């Protein structure tokens, strides 16, 4: 049985909309089922994906529904918990049997938004594929799997930090950096990673808070870099780095507090 939804949430590169108005747990469960059906192309075979989410307050509920749809479709799920979107991509190179990733996030959009970014076989689902996914959800005619999928927890952040330190351990010695995580996912990775590399790290807004109380999580907006610029100048840091809501875009400030293009 199909459910009603607003077509506009199925965009060019992801699914995105306002929670409660455009997005619901029911829709996310159907998206999980549709993703499984789309990538399998009619084959009832075992497969595994990784799932993570950003810091928004509604992300855990939407992620739970998405995972339920995947599991009911016979897909094994590695739950990565809260993590940056790029670590979803990283998981496809790290977890041997993972064929795709789904990250619940609305990136740099305001707190009332959410969505999901998806990959399959190391390639992002873009406009044509997202449209196909939408049509599967509309029809609501999902195949019944031979068996339900399994759920496992996976520490993708720990794996990512270990991977980076193989190359960059000690390389940050003598570097002072200010890190503005905008109360988003950058705070659960970047400060620890940079310290482990040997940097002196000064943190701004590292605690995840889906209301983004200090500033909008979009470093492309110059206004959001004000606190970072001030802290770089105040502390004499070598540079500052700001992350967006899911840590797939950054802003850089030099030692004079100037934004770099």
Foldseek 3Di string as FASTA:
>chain_A
DFDDADPPQLAFFWGKDFPPRGDDLVLLLLLLLLVLCLVCVPDQDEAEAEEEEKLQPCTVSNSVSNVNSNQQNRYAYAYQYHAFPVLRLVVPVPPPRHFKYKYWAPWQDALRMITIWMDGNSHTQGRVNSVSSVVCNRVVDGDGHPHGYHYHYDNSLVVVLVVVCVPQALVQAPAEEEEEALLMRCLVHPVVSSVRSHYHYHYHNSHHDSNSVPDRQDVVPVVSCVVVLVVLQVVQGQKYKGAGRRRPDIWIAGSNSHTDD
